[in-house]
N, C-alpha and C. Protein backbone atom coordinates (compact mmCIF):
# COMPACT_ATOMS: atom_id res chain seq x y z
N MET A 1 132.93 118.11 98.94
CA MET A 1 132.32 118.75 97.78
C MET A 1 130.80 118.71 97.96
N ARG A 2 130.16 119.82 97.68
CA ARG A 2 128.71 119.89 97.77
C ARG A 2 128.09 119.20 96.57
N ARG A 3 126.85 118.76 96.76
CA ARG A 3 126.11 118.15 95.65
C ARG A 3 124.65 118.54 95.75
N ARG A 4 124.02 118.59 94.60
CA ARG A 4 122.58 118.85 94.59
C ARG A 4 121.98 118.17 93.38
N PHE A 5 120.70 117.86 93.50
CA PHE A 5 119.96 117.21 92.43
C PHE A 5 119.14 118.24 91.67
N HIS A 6 119.14 118.14 90.36
CA HIS A 6 118.14 118.84 89.56
C HIS A 6 116.80 118.24 89.99
N PRO A 7 115.74 119.02 90.12
CA PRO A 7 114.45 118.47 90.58
C PRO A 7 113.96 117.27 89.77
N GLU A 8 114.17 117.29 88.46
CA GLU A 8 113.73 116.16 87.64
C GLU A 8 114.59 114.92 87.89
N ALA A 9 115.87 115.11 88.19
CA ALA A 9 116.74 113.97 88.51
C ALA A 9 116.33 113.34 89.83
N GLU A 10 115.96 114.17 90.79
CA GLU A 10 115.49 113.65 92.07
C GLU A 10 114.20 112.85 91.90
N ALA A 11 113.31 113.34 91.03
CA ALA A 11 112.06 112.62 90.76
C ALA A 11 112.36 111.29 90.06
N GLU A 12 113.34 111.28 89.15
CA GLU A 12 113.73 110.02 88.48
C GLU A 12 114.24 109.00 89.49
N LEU A 13 115.06 109.46 90.41
CA LEU A 13 115.58 108.57 91.44
C LEU A 13 114.43 107.98 92.26
N ASN A 14 113.54 108.82 92.72
CA ASN A 14 112.40 108.36 93.53
C ASN A 14 111.51 107.39 92.75
N ASP A 15 111.27 107.68 91.47
CA ASP A 15 110.45 106.78 90.64
C ASP A 15 111.12 105.43 90.47
N ALA A 16 112.43 105.43 90.26
CA ALA A 16 113.16 104.17 90.08
C ALA A 16 113.15 103.36 91.37
N VAL A 17 113.32 104.01 92.51
CA VAL A 17 113.26 103.31 93.80
C VAL A 17 111.89 102.67 93.97
N ASP A 18 110.83 103.41 93.67
CA ASP A 18 109.48 102.86 93.77
C ASP A 18 109.30 101.67 92.83
N TYR A 19 109.78 101.79 91.61
CA TYR A 19 109.67 100.71 90.63
C TYR A 19 110.37 99.45 91.13
N TYR A 20 111.61 99.59 91.60
CA TYR A 20 112.36 98.42 92.06
C TYR A 20 111.74 97.81 93.32
N ASN A 21 111.16 98.63 94.17
CA ASN A 21 110.46 98.09 95.35
C ASN A 21 109.22 97.29 94.95
N GLU A 22 108.57 97.70 93.87
CA GLU A 22 107.42 96.94 93.37
C GLU A 22 107.87 95.60 92.79
N CYS A 23 109.07 95.58 92.20
CA CYS A 23 109.58 94.33 91.61
C CYS A 23 109.98 93.32 92.69
N GLN A 24 110.62 93.83 93.73
CA GLN A 24 111.10 92.95 94.80
C GLN A 24 111.31 93.78 96.06
N GLU A 25 110.88 93.25 97.18
CA GLU A 25 111.03 93.95 98.45
C GLU A 25 112.50 94.29 98.71
N SER A 26 112.76 95.53 99.08
CA SER A 26 114.09 96.06 99.41
C SER A 26 115.00 96.28 98.21
N LEU A 27 114.56 95.94 97.01
CA LEU A 27 115.40 96.18 95.84
C LEU A 27 115.56 97.67 95.58
N GLY A 28 114.54 98.45 95.87
CA GLY A 28 114.63 99.90 95.72
C GLY A 28 115.68 100.49 96.64
N LEU A 29 115.78 99.97 97.85
CA LEU A 29 116.81 100.42 98.79
C LEU A 29 118.20 100.09 98.26
N GLU A 30 118.36 98.91 97.70
CA GLU A 30 119.65 98.53 97.12
C GLU A 30 120.01 99.44 95.96
N PHE A 31 119.02 99.77 95.14
CA PHE A 31 119.25 100.69 94.03
C PHE A 31 119.68 102.06 94.55
N ALA A 32 118.96 102.58 95.54
CA ALA A 32 119.30 103.90 96.10
C ALA A 32 120.71 103.90 96.69
N LYS A 33 121.07 102.83 97.38
CA LYS A 33 122.42 102.74 97.94
C LYS A 33 123.47 102.78 96.84
N GLU A 34 123.21 102.09 95.74
CA GLU A 34 124.19 102.10 94.64
C GLU A 34 124.28 103.48 94.00
N VAL A 35 123.15 104.17 93.85
CA VAL A 35 123.18 105.53 93.28
C VAL A 35 123.99 106.45 94.19
N TYR A 36 123.75 106.40 95.50
CA TYR A 36 124.47 107.28 96.41
C TYR A 36 125.95 106.91 96.52
N ALA A 37 126.29 105.63 96.38
CA ALA A 37 127.70 105.23 96.34
C ALA A 37 128.37 105.79 95.08
N ALA A 38 127.64 105.77 93.96
CA ALA A 38 128.16 106.35 92.72
C ALA A 38 128.38 107.85 92.89
N ILE A 39 127.46 108.52 93.54
CA ILE A 39 127.60 109.97 93.76
C ILE A 39 128.80 110.25 94.66
N GLU A 40 129.02 109.43 95.66
CA GLU A 40 130.21 109.59 96.52
C GLU A 40 131.48 109.46 95.71
N SER A 41 131.54 108.47 94.81
CA SER A 41 132.74 108.31 93.98
C SER A 41 132.89 109.48 93.01
N ILE A 42 131.79 110.01 92.53
CA ILE A 42 131.84 111.20 91.67
C ILE A 42 132.43 112.37 92.44
N CYS A 43 132.01 112.55 93.69
CA CYS A 43 132.53 113.64 94.51
C CYS A 43 134.03 113.48 94.79
N GLU A 44 134.48 112.26 94.96
CA GLU A 44 135.90 112.02 95.20
C GLU A 44 136.74 112.22 93.95
N PHE A 45 136.23 111.77 92.80
CA PHE A 45 136.98 111.82 91.54
C PHE A 45 136.09 112.37 90.43
N PRO A 46 135.75 113.65 90.47
CA PRO A 46 134.75 114.19 89.54
C PRO A 46 135.13 114.11 88.06
N LEU A 47 136.41 114.04 87.75
CA LEU A 47 136.83 114.02 86.35
C LEU A 47 137.11 112.61 85.84
N ALA A 48 136.85 111.61 86.64
CA ALA A 48 137.21 110.23 86.29
C ALA A 48 136.20 109.55 85.37
N TRP A 49 135.03 110.09 85.22
CA TRP A 49 133.97 109.37 84.53
C TRP A 49 133.78 109.86 83.10
N THR A 50 133.03 109.13 82.33
CA THR A 50 132.88 109.34 80.90
C THR A 50 132.33 110.72 80.56
N PRO A 51 133.08 111.52 79.78
CA PRO A 51 132.54 112.81 79.36
C PRO A 51 131.47 112.64 78.28
N LEU A 52 130.39 113.38 78.42
CA LEU A 52 129.33 113.41 77.41
C LEU A 52 129.38 114.70 76.61
N SER A 53 129.90 115.74 77.23
CA SER A 53 130.12 117.03 76.58
C SER A 53 131.23 117.72 77.37
N GLN A 54 131.50 118.95 77.05
CA GLN A 54 132.59 119.67 77.73
C GLN A 54 132.38 119.75 79.24
N ASN A 55 131.14 119.94 79.69
CA ASN A 55 130.86 120.13 81.11
C ASN A 55 130.04 119.02 81.76
N THR A 56 129.70 118.00 81.00
CA THR A 56 128.79 116.97 81.50
C THR A 56 129.46 115.59 81.42
N ARG A 57 129.27 114.80 82.49
CA ARG A 57 129.86 113.46 82.55
C ARG A 57 128.81 112.47 83.03
N ARG A 58 129.12 111.17 82.83
CA ARG A 58 128.20 110.12 83.25
C ARG A 58 128.97 109.02 83.97
N ARG A 59 128.44 108.62 85.11
CA ARG A 59 128.97 107.50 85.90
C ARG A 59 127.94 106.38 85.84
N LEU A 60 128.34 105.23 85.29
CA LEU A 60 127.44 104.09 85.20
C LEU A 60 127.35 103.36 86.53
N LEU A 61 126.18 102.79 86.80
CA LEU A 61 126.02 101.93 87.96
C LEU A 61 126.49 100.53 87.58
N LYS A 62 126.87 99.74 88.58
CA LYS A 62 127.38 98.40 88.31
C LYS A 62 126.26 97.38 88.14
N ARG A 63 125.29 97.39 89.03
CA ARG A 63 124.28 96.35 89.07
C ARG A 63 123.02 96.68 88.27
N PHE A 64 122.69 97.93 88.17
CA PHE A 64 121.45 98.36 87.54
C PHE A 64 121.75 99.09 86.23
N PRO A 65 120.83 99.03 85.24
CA PRO A 65 121.07 99.68 83.95
C PRO A 65 120.78 101.19 83.99
N TYR A 66 121.51 101.88 84.83
CA TYR A 66 121.34 103.32 85.03
C TYR A 66 122.68 104.02 85.00
N GLY A 67 122.63 105.30 84.70
CA GLY A 67 123.80 106.16 84.79
C GLY A 67 123.43 107.43 85.54
N VAL A 68 124.41 107.99 86.24
CA VAL A 68 124.24 109.27 86.92
C VAL A 68 124.93 110.31 86.03
N VAL A 69 124.14 111.23 85.49
CA VAL A 69 124.66 112.29 84.64
C VAL A 69 124.82 113.53 85.52
N TYR A 70 126.00 114.15 85.43
CA TYR A 70 126.29 115.27 86.33
C TYR A 70 127.17 116.31 85.66
N GLN A 71 127.20 117.47 86.30
CA GLN A 71 128.09 118.55 85.91
C GLN A 71 128.87 119.00 87.13
N LEU A 72 130.09 119.40 86.91
CA LEU A 72 130.93 119.96 87.95
C LEU A 72 130.95 121.48 87.76
N LYS A 73 130.46 122.20 88.78
CA LYS A 73 130.43 123.67 88.74
C LYS A 73 131.17 124.18 89.98
N GLY A 74 132.42 124.55 89.82
CA GLY A 74 133.22 125.01 90.96
C GLY A 74 133.39 123.88 91.96
N ASP A 75 132.89 124.08 93.18
CA ASP A 75 133.00 123.05 94.22
C ASP A 75 131.69 122.30 94.41
N GLU A 76 130.84 122.30 93.37
CA GLU A 76 129.53 121.66 93.47
C GLU A 76 129.33 120.65 92.34
N ILE A 77 128.75 119.51 92.70
CA ILE A 77 128.33 118.51 91.72
C ILE A 77 126.82 118.66 91.56
N ILE A 78 126.37 118.83 90.33
CA ILE A 78 124.94 118.95 90.04
C ILE A 78 124.52 117.66 89.32
N ILE A 79 123.64 116.90 89.95
CA ILE A 79 123.12 115.68 89.35
C ILE A 79 122.03 116.09 88.38
N ILE A 80 122.28 115.90 87.10
CA ILE A 80 121.37 116.33 86.04
C ILE A 80 120.31 115.26 85.77
N ALA A 81 120.70 113.99 85.83
CA ALA A 81 119.76 112.91 85.54
C ALA A 81 120.21 111.62 86.22
N VAL A 82 119.25 110.82 86.61
CA VAL A 82 119.47 109.43 87.01
C VAL A 82 118.76 108.65 85.90
N MET A 83 119.53 108.36 84.85
CA MET A 83 118.91 107.90 83.61
C MET A 83 118.95 106.39 83.44
N GLN A 84 117.83 105.86 83.01
CA GLN A 84 117.72 104.45 82.65
C GLN A 84 118.36 104.33 81.27
N LEU A 85 119.34 103.48 81.12
CA LEU A 85 120.17 103.46 79.91
C LEU A 85 119.47 102.92 78.67
N ASN A 86 118.37 102.21 78.85
CA ASN A 86 117.68 101.61 77.70
C ASN A 86 116.53 102.46 77.17
N ARG A 87 116.36 103.65 77.70
CA ARG A 87 115.25 104.51 77.28
C ARG A 87 115.76 105.88 76.86
N LYS A 88 115.23 106.41 75.80
CA LYS A 88 115.46 107.78 75.35
C LYS A 88 116.76 108.41 75.88
N PRO A 89 117.90 108.04 75.35
CA PRO A 89 119.16 108.51 75.92
C PRO A 89 119.37 110.02 75.86
N GLY A 90 118.74 110.73 74.97
CA GLY A 90 118.99 112.15 74.84
C GLY A 90 117.93 113.06 75.43
N TYR A 91 117.22 112.61 76.45
CA TYR A 91 116.09 113.39 76.97
C TYR A 91 116.49 114.47 77.96
N TRP A 92 117.68 114.43 78.52
CA TRP A 92 118.04 115.30 79.63
C TRP A 92 118.83 116.57 79.29
N PRO A 93 119.37 116.76 78.09
CA PRO A 93 120.24 117.94 77.86
C PRO A 93 119.62 119.29 78.17
N HIS A 94 118.32 119.43 78.11
CA HIS A 94 117.70 120.73 78.43
C HIS A 94 117.88 121.10 79.91
N ARG A 95 118.29 120.16 80.75
CA ARG A 95 118.47 120.40 82.18
C ARG A 95 119.81 121.03 82.52
N LYS A 96 120.73 121.01 81.59
CA LYS A 96 122.08 121.50 81.89
C LYS A 96 122.05 122.98 82.24
N ASP A 97 122.89 123.34 83.22
CA ASP A 97 123.00 124.76 83.63
C ASP A 97 123.83 125.53 82.64
């Protein structure tokens, strides 16, 4: 299954990696690995995760307080947000296709 990031979601991922690297060496890499593992599981089982609306779902990370918000469009997964769960939970809906 193909996947792509909304440009703002990609920027969120990069910002979070930078933040975690500032907190502790290599923590940003661990965060990125967990995000990409979550995306792999989304691609394998796209309907398994929590629905937020008819076309949008969220997969929570295990170690970090983040969720991957995505939409399934045909054979493509669109990553809408890499959202920090403790901040402004409703900021991303304008990104939906």
